[in-house]
C-alpha cells in the first residue's frame, strides 16, 4: 500500500472513531445548589492523605523515593495506633505508608486479607474535631473510639466506621 493509501486508510478509521464517540457534557453545580448545603458548627477541609498498608515498608519507601523521586519521611513509630508510618510528599497531599507494629495492629488484619497491601483509609481535615464528633454521632455515624487520639502529625484524629462511609475507612484530623 502506498503512503497515500495508508494515510487515507488511517484517516478513515480516525474519522469513524471520532464520530462514533458520544459527546459528554460537563456537570456544573450552580451557586444556588451549593448555598443550600446546611451550615455545621464544624467545617470539612482538604484531603490530608491517603493511607496505604504495605507488607514491606522499606520496599514501598524505596519505590516512592528511588523510583518515583518523591520526598519521603523517616519511619515513625506510632505504638498507640499499632503502626509504623512513612509519609510521601506529593505537593498538594500526601501518601501515608502503613506497616503493622505487632500482631495486634489493625493493619495486620488488613494485610492478612490483602497480601500485597492496598488503600487502608483516607484522611480529611476538619477545623473542630469535637464538634464533628457530636454531629456525626447525631447522624448515626459510628466513631471507632470514644475520644480523639493523637495521630501521626501530632494532631487529634478519629476514625469513622467503614460500613457507615460507603466501605471506606475515614480518618478525620483536626487542622
N, C-alpha and C. Protein backbone atom coordinates (compact mmCIF):
# COMPACT_ATOMS: atom_id res chain seq x y z
N UNK A 1 0.86 -1.17 0.00
CA UNK A 1 0.00 0.00 0.00
C UNK A 1 0.90 1.23 0.00
N UNK A 2 0.55 2.23 -0.77
CA UNK A 2 1.36 3.44 -0.85
C UNK A 2 1.18 4.28 0.41
N UNK A 3 2.05 5.25 0.59
CA UNK A 3 1.94 6.16 1.75
C UNK A 3 0.59 6.87 1.73
N UNK A 4 0.16 7.27 0.52
CA UNK A 4 -1.13 7.96 0.41
C UNK A 4 -2.26 7.01 0.83
N UNK A 5 -2.18 5.76 0.41
CA UNK A 5 -3.19 4.77 0.75
C UNK A 5 -3.26 4.51 2.25
N UNK A 6 -2.09 4.43 2.89
CA UNK A 6 -2.04 4.24 4.34
C UNK A 6 -2.68 5.43 5.03
N UNK A 7 -2.35 6.64 4.56
CA UNK A 7 -2.92 7.85 5.15
C UNK A 7 -4.44 7.84 5.03
N UNK A 8 -4.95 7.53 3.86
CA UNK A 8 -6.40 7.52 3.64
C UNK A 8 -7.06 6.46 4.53
N UNK A 9 -6.43 5.29 4.64
CA UNK A 9 -6.96 4.22 5.48
C UNK A 9 -7.06 4.67 6.95
N UNK A 10 -5.96 5.22 7.48
CA UNK A 10 -5.96 5.65 8.88
C UNK A 10 -6.86 6.86 9.10
N UNK A 11 -6.93 7.75 8.11
CA UNK A 11 -7.82 8.90 8.25
C UNK A 11 -9.27 8.44 8.32
N UNK A 12 -9.61 7.44 7.51
CA UNK A 12 -10.97 6.89 7.54
C UNK A 12 -11.30 6.26 8.89
N UNK A 13 -10.34 5.49 9.45
CA UNK A 13 -10.53 4.91 10.78
C UNK A 13 -10.71 5.99 11.82
N UNK A 14 -9.85 7.01 11.75
CA UNK A 14 -9.93 8.11 12.72
C UNK A 14 -11.28 8.81 12.63
N UNK A 15 -11.72 9.04 11.41
CA UNK A 15 -12.99 9.74 11.22
C UNK A 15 -14.15 8.93 11.82
N UNK A 16 -14.13 7.59 11.60
CA UNK A 16 -15.18 6.75 12.16
C UNK A 16 -15.12 6.74 13.69
N UNK A 17 -13.90 6.64 14.25
CA UNK A 17 -13.76 6.67 15.70
C UNK A 17 -14.21 8.00 16.27
N UNK A 18 -13.82 9.06 15.59
CA UNK A 18 -14.14 10.40 16.09
C UNK A 18 -15.64 10.65 16.10
N UNK A 19 -16.33 10.19 15.08
CA UNK A 19 -17.77 10.45 15.01
C UNK A 19 -18.58 9.48 15.84
N UNK A 20 -17.99 8.31 16.21
CA UNK A 20 -18.78 7.32 16.94
C UNK A 20 -18.74 7.53 18.45
N UNK A 21 -17.89 8.42 18.92
CA UNK A 21 -17.79 8.67 20.35
C UNK A 21 -18.86 9.67 20.76
N UNK A 22 -19.74 9.32 21.68
CA UNK A 22 -20.78 10.26 22.09
C UNK A 22 -20.16 11.43 22.85
N UNK A 23 -20.78 12.56 22.69
CA UNK A 23 -20.27 13.73 23.41
C UNK A 23 -20.70 13.67 24.87
N UNK A 24 -19.88 14.22 25.72
CA UNK A 24 -20.14 14.23 27.15
C UNK A 24 -20.21 15.68 27.60
N UNK A 25 -21.26 16.03 28.31
CA UNK A 25 -21.38 17.39 28.81
C UNK A 25 -20.88 17.44 30.24
N UNK A 26 -20.20 18.51 30.55
CA UNK A 26 -19.69 18.68 31.91
C UNK A 26 -20.85 18.99 32.85
N UNK A 27 -20.82 18.40 34.02
CA UNK A 27 -21.82 18.66 35.03
C UNK A 27 -21.38 19.87 35.84
N UNK A 28 -22.21 20.87 35.90
CA UNK A 28 -21.85 22.04 36.69
C UNK A 28 -22.83 22.16 37.85
N UNK A 29 -22.31 22.60 38.97
CA UNK A 29 -23.12 22.79 40.15
C UNK A 29 -23.38 24.28 40.29
N UNK A 30 -24.63 24.66 40.28
CA UNK A 30 -24.95 26.08 40.36
C UNK A 30 -24.70 26.61 41.76
N UNK A 31 -24.50 27.91 41.84
CA UNK A 31 -24.27 28.56 43.13
C UNK A 31 -25.45 28.33 44.07
N UNK A 32 -26.67 28.34 43.53
CA UNK A 32 -27.84 28.18 44.40
C UNK A 32 -27.86 26.80 45.06
N UNK A 33 -27.41 25.77 44.35
CA UNK A 33 -27.36 24.44 44.94
C UNK A 33 -26.34 24.42 46.06
N UNK A 34 -25.15 24.98 45.83
CA UNK A 34 -24.10 24.99 46.84
C UNK A 34 -24.51 25.81 48.07
N UNK A 35 -25.32 26.84 47.88
CA UNK A 35 -25.74 27.65 49.01
C UNK A 35 -26.74 26.91 49.90
N UNK A 36 -27.33 25.84 49.38
CA UNK A 36 -28.29 25.07 50.16
C UNK A 36 -27.64 24.01 51.03
N UNK A 37 -26.32 23.91 51.00
CA UNK A 37 -25.63 22.97 51.87
C UNK A 37 -25.80 23.47 53.30
N UNK A 38 -26.25 22.60 54.22
CA UNK A 38 -26.50 23.05 55.59
C UNK A 38 -25.23 23.51 56.28
N UNK A 39 -25.38 24.53 57.12
CA UNK A 39 -24.24 25.01 57.88
C UNK A 39 -24.03 24.14 59.11
N UNK A 40 -22.78 23.77 59.38
CA UNK A 40 -22.44 22.98 60.54
C UNK A 40 -21.61 23.83 61.48
N UNK A 41 -21.45 23.34 62.70
CA UNK A 41 -20.58 24.02 63.67
C UNK A 41 -19.12 23.70 63.40
N UNK A 42 -18.86 22.84 62.45
CA UNK A 42 -17.50 22.46 62.06
C UNK A 42 -17.41 22.50 60.55
N UNK A 43 -16.21 22.59 60.06
CA UNK A 43 -16.01 22.69 58.62
C UNK A 43 -15.09 21.58 58.13
N UNK A 44 -15.50 20.94 57.07
CA UNK A 44 -14.69 19.91 56.41
C UNK A 44 -13.62 20.61 55.59
N UNK A 45 -12.39 20.15 55.71
CA UNK A 45 -11.28 20.76 54.99
C UNK A 45 -10.82 19.90 53.83
N UNK A 46 -9.55 20.01 53.54
CA UNK A 46 -8.98 19.32 52.39
C UNK A 46 -8.56 17.89 52.71
N UNK A 47 -8.31 17.13 51.65
CA UNK A 47 -7.76 15.79 51.81
C UNK A 47 -6.35 15.94 52.36
N UNK A 48 -6.07 15.30 53.48
CA UNK A 48 -4.75 15.37 54.09
C UNK A 48 -3.85 14.29 53.52
N UNK A 49 -4.34 13.04 53.50
CA UNK A 49 -3.55 11.96 52.94
C UNK A 49 -4.42 10.75 52.61
N UNK A 50 -3.84 9.88 51.79
CA UNK A 50 -4.40 8.56 51.52
C UNK A 50 -3.41 7.57 52.12
N UNK A 51 -3.90 6.67 52.96
CA UNK A 51 -3.02 5.71 53.63
C UNK A 51 -3.03 4.39 52.89
N UNK A 52 -1.85 3.83 52.72
CA UNK A 52 -1.68 2.57 52.01
C UNK A 52 -0.98 1.59 52.95
N UNK A 53 -1.61 0.47 53.22
CA UNK A 53 -1.00 -0.58 54.03
C UNK A 53 -0.02 -1.34 53.14
N UNK A 54 1.19 -1.56 53.66
CA UNK A 54 2.22 -2.23 52.87
C UNK A 54 2.84 -3.37 53.67
N UNK A 55 3.08 -4.53 53.01
CA UNK A 55 3.69 -5.65 53.72
C UNK A 55 5.20 -5.46 53.93
N UNK A 56 5.84 -4.63 53.10
CA UNK A 56 7.28 -4.38 53.19
C UNK A 56 7.51 -2.88 53.13
N UNK A 57 7.70 -2.26 54.28
CA UNK A 57 7.80 -0.81 54.37
C UNK A 57 9.02 -0.27 53.62
N UNK A 58 10.16 -0.93 53.74
CA UNK A 58 11.36 -0.44 53.07
C UNK A 58 11.25 -0.55 51.55
N UNK A 59 10.62 -1.60 51.07
CA UNK A 59 10.41 -1.76 49.63
C UNK A 59 9.48 -0.66 49.11
N UNK A 60 8.41 -0.39 49.85
CA UNK A 60 7.47 0.67 49.46
C UNK A 60 8.15 2.03 49.51
N UNK A 61 8.90 2.29 50.57
CA UNK A 61 9.63 3.56 50.71
C UNK A 61 10.57 3.76 49.52
N UNK A 62 11.30 2.71 49.17
CA UNK A 62 12.25 2.77 48.07
C UNK A 62 11.54 3.05 46.74
N UNK A 63 10.38 2.44 46.54
CA UNK A 63 9.63 2.68 45.30
C UNK A 63 9.32 4.17 45.14
N UNK A 64 8.74 4.77 46.17
CA UNK A 64 8.35 6.18 46.06
C UNK A 64 9.55 7.11 46.01
N UNK A 65 10.60 6.80 46.75
CA UNK A 65 11.76 7.67 46.80
C UNK A 65 12.71 7.44 45.63
N UNK A 66 13.11 6.20 45.40
CA UNK A 66 14.15 5.90 44.42
C UNK A 66 13.64 5.74 42.99
N UNK A 67 12.41 5.25 42.85
CA UNK A 67 11.86 5.04 41.52
C UNK A 67 11.08 6.27 41.05
N UNK A 68 10.19 6.79 41.91
CA UNK A 68 9.37 7.94 41.51
C UNK A 68 10.00 9.28 41.85
N UNK A 69 11.00 9.29 42.73
CA UNK A 69 11.68 10.55 43.06
C UNK A 69 10.94 11.43 44.04
N UNK A 70 10.05 10.88 44.83
CA UNK A 70 9.28 11.66 45.80
C UNK A 70 10.09 11.91 47.07
N UNK A 71 9.73 12.97 47.77
CA UNK A 71 10.29 13.21 49.10
C UNK A 71 9.59 12.29 50.07
N UNK A 72 10.37 11.55 50.84
CA UNK A 72 9.83 10.53 51.75
C UNK A 72 10.37 10.80 53.15
N UNK A 73 9.48 10.74 54.15
CA UNK A 73 9.88 11.00 55.53
C UNK A 73 10.63 9.80 56.11
N UNK A 74 11.16 10.01 57.29
CA UNK A 74 11.74 8.89 58.04
C UNK A 74 10.59 8.06 58.59
N UNK A 75 10.89 6.84 58.97
CA UNK A 75 9.88 5.96 59.57
C UNK A 75 9.58 6.45 60.98
N UNK A 76 8.30 6.56 61.28
CA UNK A 76 7.86 6.99 62.61
C UNK A 76 7.08 5.84 63.24
N UNK A 77 7.39 5.54 64.47
CA UNK A 77 6.71 4.51 65.24
C UNK A 77 5.53 5.15 65.97
N UNK A 78 4.34 4.59 65.79
CA UNK A 78 3.14 5.07 66.48
C UNK A 78 2.52 3.93 67.28
N UNK A 79 3.05 3.65 68.47
CA UNK A 79 2.56 2.50 69.24
C UNK A 79 1.08 2.61 69.60
N UNK A 80 0.56 3.83 69.84
CA UNK A 80 -0.86 3.98 70.21
C UNK A 80 -1.80 3.61 69.06
N UNK A 81 -1.27 3.58 67.83
CA UNK A 81 -2.07 3.17 66.67
C UNK A 81 -1.62 1.81 66.14
N UNK A 82 -0.55 1.27 66.68
CA UNK A 82 -0.07 -0.05 66.29
C UNK A 82 0.57 -0.12 64.92
N UNK A 83 1.22 0.99 64.51
CA UNK A 83 1.80 1.02 63.16
C UNK A 83 3.15 1.74 63.13
N UNK A 84 3.89 1.40 62.09
CA UNK A 84 5.00 2.23 61.62
C UNK A 84 4.42 3.03 60.47
N UNK A 85 4.85 4.28 60.32
CA UNK A 85 4.32 5.09 59.24
C UNK A 85 5.43 5.88 58.56
N UNK A 86 5.26 6.07 57.26
CA UNK A 86 6.16 6.87 56.44
C UNK A 86 5.26 7.75 55.56
N UNK A 87 5.60 9.04 55.46
CA UNK A 87 4.81 9.93 54.61
C UNK A 87 5.56 10.24 53.32
N UNK A 88 4.81 10.21 52.22
CA UNK A 88 5.33 10.53 50.90
C UNK A 88 4.70 11.86 50.49
N UNK A 89 5.52 12.89 50.27
CA UNK A 89 5.02 14.22 49.90
C UNK A 89 4.66 14.25 48.42
N UNK A 90 3.47 14.74 48.11
CA UNK A 90 3.03 14.83 46.71
C UNK A 90 2.68 16.26 46.30
N UNK A 91 3.06 17.24 47.05
CA UNK A 91 2.75 18.62 46.71
C UNK A 91 1.42 19.06 47.30
N UNK A 92 0.31 18.57 46.73
CA UNK A 92 -1.00 19.00 47.21
C UNK A 92 -1.58 18.06 48.27
N UNK A 93 -0.94 16.92 48.49
CA UNK A 93 -1.40 15.99 49.52
C UNK A 93 -0.25 15.03 49.84
N UNK A 94 -0.54 14.00 50.60
CA UNK A 94 0.48 13.03 50.97
C UNK A 94 -0.08 11.61 50.85
N UNK A 95 0.83 10.67 50.74
CA UNK A 95 0.51 9.26 50.93
C UNK A 95 1.10 8.88 52.27
N UNK A 96 0.39 8.06 53.01
CA UNK A 96 0.91 7.53 54.27
C UNK A 96 1.09 6.03 54.07
N UNK A 97 2.32 5.56 54.20
CA UNK A 97 2.59 4.14 54.11
C UNK A 97 2.50 3.57 55.51
N UNK A 98 1.67 2.55 55.69
CA UNK A 98 1.45 1.93 57.00
C UNK A 98 1.98 0.52 57.01
N UNK A 99 2.66 0.18 58.09
CA UNK A 99 3.14 -1.18 58.28
C UNK A 99 2.82 -1.57 59.72
N UNK A 100 2.34 -2.79 59.95
CA UNK A 100 1.92 -3.17 61.30
C UNK A 100 3.06 -3.22 62.31
N UNK A 101 2.72 -2.82 63.52
CA UNK A 101 3.61 -2.93 64.67
C UNK A 101 3.04 -4.06 65.52
N UNK A 102 3.46 -5.27 65.27
CA UNK A 102 2.98 -6.41 66.04
C UNK A 102 1.73 -7.03 65.47
N UNK A 103 1.35 -8.16 66.07
CA UNK A 103 0.20 -8.93 65.58
C UNK A 103 -1.14 -8.31 65.94
N UNK A 104 -1.19 -7.41 66.92
CA UNK A 104 -2.44 -6.79 67.34
C UNK A 104 -2.74 -5.51 66.58
N UNK A 105 -1.90 -5.14 65.64
CA UNK A 105 -2.11 -3.94 64.84
C UNK A 105 -3.34 -4.10 63.96
N UNK A 106 -4.16 -3.05 63.81
CA UNK A 106 -5.29 -3.14 62.88
C UNK A 106 -4.83 -3.37 61.44
N UNK A 107 -3.60 -2.99 61.14
CA UNK A 107 -3.08 -3.17 59.79
C UNK A 107 -2.71 -4.63 59.54
N UNK A 108 -2.41 -5.38 60.59
CA UNK A 108 -2.11 -6.81 60.43
C UNK A 108 -3.30 -7.54 59.83
N UNK A 109 -4.47 -7.31 60.36
CA UNK A 109 -5.68 -7.94 59.83
C UNK A 109 -5.95 -7.54 58.39
N UNK A 110 -5.72 -6.27 58.09
CA UNK A 110 -5.92 -5.77 56.72
C UNK A 110 -4.98 -6.51 55.76
N UNK A 111 -3.70 -6.64 56.15
CA UNK A 111 -2.73 -7.29 55.28
C UNK A 111 -2.96 -8.80 55.17
N UNK A 112 -3.59 -9.41 56.17
CA UNK A 112 -3.93 -10.83 56.06
C UNK A 112 -4.98 -11.04 54.96
N UNK A 113 -5.87 -10.07 54.80
CA UNK A 113 -6.89 -10.15 53.75
C UNK A 113 -6.38 -9.64 52.41
N UNK A 114 -5.40 -8.75 52.45
CA UNK A 114 -4.86 -8.11 51.24
C UNK A 114 -3.34 -8.29 51.25
N UNK A 115 -2.88 -9.44 50.81
CA UNK A 115 -1.47 -9.84 50.97
C UNK A 115 -0.47 -8.85 50.36
N UNK A 116 -0.82 -8.19 49.27
CA UNK A 116 0.11 -7.26 48.63
C UNK A 116 -0.08 -5.82 49.12
N UNK A 117 -1.02 -5.62 50.05
CA UNK A 117 -1.30 -4.29 50.57
C UNK A 117 -2.42 -3.63 49.79
N UNK A 118 -2.61 -2.35 50.04
CA UNK A 118 -3.65 -1.60 49.34
C UNK A 118 -4.11 -0.41 50.16
N UNK A 119 -5.08 0.33 49.61
CA UNK A 119 -5.57 1.52 50.29
C UNK A 119 -6.22 1.12 51.60
N UNK A 120 -5.78 1.74 52.67
CA UNK A 120 -6.29 1.44 54.01
C UNK A 120 -7.34 2.45 54.44
N UNK A 121 -7.04 3.75 54.28
CA UNK A 121 -8.01 4.79 54.65
C UNK A 121 -7.68 6.10 53.97
N UNK A 122 -8.64 7.03 54.04
CA UNK A 122 -8.38 8.40 53.61
C UNK A 122 -8.48 9.29 54.84
N UNK A 123 -7.75 10.40 54.82
CA UNK A 123 -7.77 11.34 55.94
C UNK A 123 -8.18 12.71 55.42
N UNK A 124 -9.21 13.27 56.05
CA UNK A 124 -9.72 14.59 55.68
C UNK A 124 -9.61 15.49 56.90
N UNK A 125 -9.20 16.72 56.67
CA UNK A 125 -9.06 17.68 57.76
C UNK A 125 -10.41 18.27 58.15
N UNK A 126 -10.55 18.55 59.45
CA UNK A 126 -11.71 19.29 59.98
C UNK A 126 -11.18 20.38 60.89
N UNK A 127 -11.95 21.44 61.05
CA UNK A 127 -11.47 22.53 61.89
C UNK A 127 -11.78 22.34 63.38
N UNK A 128 -12.77 21.49 63.70
CA UNK A 128 -13.15 21.28 65.10
C UNK A 128 -13.57 19.82 65.26
N UNK A 129 -12.68 18.99 65.73
CA UNK A 129 -12.95 17.55 65.78
C UNK A 129 -14.05 17.19 66.78
N UNK A 130 -14.13 17.90 67.89
CA UNK A 130 -15.17 17.61 68.89
C UNK A 130 -16.57 17.93 68.33
N UNK A 131 -16.70 19.06 67.64
CA UNK A 131 -17.98 19.41 67.03
C UNK A 131 -18.33 18.41 65.93
N UNK A 132 -17.32 17.98 65.16
CA UNK A 132 -17.56 16.99 64.11
C UNK A 132 -18.05 15.68 64.73
N UNK A 133 -17.42 15.27 65.83
CA UNK A 133 -17.83 14.03 66.51
C UNK A 133 -19.28 14.11 66.97
N UNK A 134 -19.65 15.20 67.59
CA UNK A 134 -21.02 15.36 68.08
C UNK A 134 -22.02 15.29 66.92
N UNK A 135 -21.71 15.97 65.85
CA UNK A 135 -22.60 15.99 64.69
C UNK A 135 -22.70 14.59 64.06
N UNK A 136 -21.57 13.91 63.92
CA UNK A 136 -21.58 12.58 63.30
C UNK A 136 -22.34 11.57 64.16
N UNK A 137 -22.22 11.69 65.48
CA UNK A 137 -22.99 10.80 66.37
C UNK A 137 -24.48 11.04 66.20
N UNK A 138 -24.90 12.30 66.04
CA UNK A 138 -26.31 12.62 65.79
C UNK A 138 -26.79 11.98 64.50
N UNK A 139 -25.90 11.90 63.52
CA UNK A 139 -26.24 11.33 62.21
C UNK A 139 -26.08 9.81 62.18
N UNK A 140 -25.80 9.21 63.35
CA UNK A 140 -25.67 7.75 63.50
C UNK A 140 -24.46 7.19 62.74
N UNK A 141 -23.39 7.98 62.63
CA UNK A 141 -22.13 7.52 62.06
C UNK A 141 -21.27 7.04 63.21
N UNK A 142 -20.85 5.78 63.15
CA UNK A 142 -20.06 5.21 64.23
C UNK A 142 -18.61 5.71 64.18
N UNK A 143 -18.12 6.09 65.35
CA UNK A 143 -16.73 6.53 65.51
C UNK A 143 -16.02 5.40 66.25
N UNK A 144 -14.83 5.04 65.79
CA UNK A 144 -14.16 3.86 66.30
C UNK A 144 -13.44 4.06 67.63
N UNK A 145 -13.56 5.23 68.22
CA UNK A 145 -13.01 5.47 69.56
C UNK A 145 -13.91 6.48 70.27
N UNK A 146 -13.90 6.40 71.59
CA UNK A 146 -14.73 7.34 72.37
C UNK A 146 -14.16 8.76 72.34
N UNK A 147 -12.86 8.85 72.31
CA UNK A 147 -12.18 10.15 72.32
C UNK A 147 -11.16 10.20 71.19
N UNK A 148 -10.86 11.39 70.69
CA UNK A 148 -9.80 11.51 69.67
C UNK A 148 -8.45 11.09 70.24
N UNK A 149 -7.59 10.60 69.35
CA UNK A 149 -6.22 10.24 69.72
C UNK A 149 -5.27 11.17 68.97
N UNK A 150 -4.04 11.22 69.44
CA UNK A 150 -3.02 11.98 68.72
C UNK A 150 -2.55 11.13 67.55
N UNK A 151 -2.59 11.71 66.35
CA UNK A 151 -2.20 11.00 65.14
C UNK A 151 -0.75 11.25 64.76
N UNK A 152 -0.40 10.81 63.57
CA UNK A 152 0.99 10.87 63.08
C UNK A 152 1.51 12.29 62.94
N UNK A 153 0.64 13.27 62.78
CA UNK A 153 1.07 14.66 62.64
C UNK A 153 1.02 15.41 63.97
N UNK A 154 0.77 14.67 65.06
CA UNK A 154 0.69 15.31 66.36
C UNK A 154 -0.62 16.05 66.59
N UNK A 155 -1.63 15.75 65.79
CA UNK A 155 -2.93 16.40 65.89
C UNK A 155 -3.98 15.37 66.26
N UNK A 156 -5.13 15.83 66.75
CA UNK A 156 -6.22 14.94 67.14
C UNK A 156 -6.84 14.28 65.91
N UNK A 157 -7.10 12.97 66.02
CA UNK A 157 -7.72 12.22 64.92
C UNK A 157 -8.79 11.28 65.47
N UNK A 158 -9.75 10.98 64.61
CA UNK A 158 -10.74 9.93 64.86
C UNK A 158 -10.92 9.14 63.56
N UNK A 159 -11.42 7.92 63.70
CA UNK A 159 -11.73 7.10 62.54
C UNK A 159 -13.21 6.80 62.54
N UNK A 160 -13.82 6.84 61.35
CA UNK A 160 -15.24 6.55 61.17
C UNK A 160 -15.39 5.15 60.61
N UNK A 161 -16.40 4.44 61.07
CA UNK A 161 -16.62 3.05 60.66
C UNK A 161 -16.84 2.98 59.15
N UNK A 162 -16.10 2.10 58.46
CA UNK A 162 -16.26 2.00 57.00
C UNK A 162 -17.67 1.61 56.55
N UNK A 163 -18.39 0.86 57.35
CA UNK A 163 -19.74 0.46 56.95
C UNK A 163 -20.69 1.65 56.93
N UNK A 164 -20.33 2.72 57.62
CA UNK A 164 -21.15 3.93 57.62
C UNK A 164 -20.65 4.95 56.60
N UNK A 165 -19.56 4.62 55.90
CA UNK A 165 -18.90 5.57 54.99
C UNK A 165 -18.68 4.94 53.62
N UNK A 166 -19.66 4.22 53.13
CA UNK A 166 -19.60 3.62 51.80
C UNK A 166 -18.42 2.69 51.60
N UNK A 167 -18.05 1.97 52.66
CA UNK A 167 -16.98 0.98 52.56
C UNK A 167 -15.57 1.54 52.71
N UNK A 168 -15.45 2.82 53.04
CA UNK A 168 -14.14 3.45 53.18
C UNK A 168 -13.89 3.81 54.64
N UNK A 169 -12.74 3.42 55.16
CA UNK A 169 -12.33 3.85 56.49
C UNK A 169 -11.90 5.31 56.36
N UNK A 170 -12.58 6.20 57.09
CA UNK A 170 -12.31 7.64 57.00
C UNK A 170 -11.69 8.09 58.31
N UNK A 171 -10.56 8.77 58.20
CA UNK A 171 -9.92 9.41 59.33
C UNK A 171 -10.19 10.90 59.23
N UNK A 172 -10.59 11.51 60.34
CA UNK A 172 -10.72 12.96 60.41
C UNK A 172 -9.60 13.48 61.29
N UNK A 173 -8.92 14.52 60.84
CA UNK A 173 -7.80 15.10 61.57
C UNK A 173 -8.07 16.57 61.79
N UNK A 174 -7.94 17.00 63.03
CA UNK A 174 -8.15 18.42 63.32
C UNK A 174 -7.00 19.22 62.72
N UNK A 175 -7.34 20.19 61.90
CA UNK A 175 -6.32 21.00 61.21
C UNK A 175 -5.73 22.06 62.13
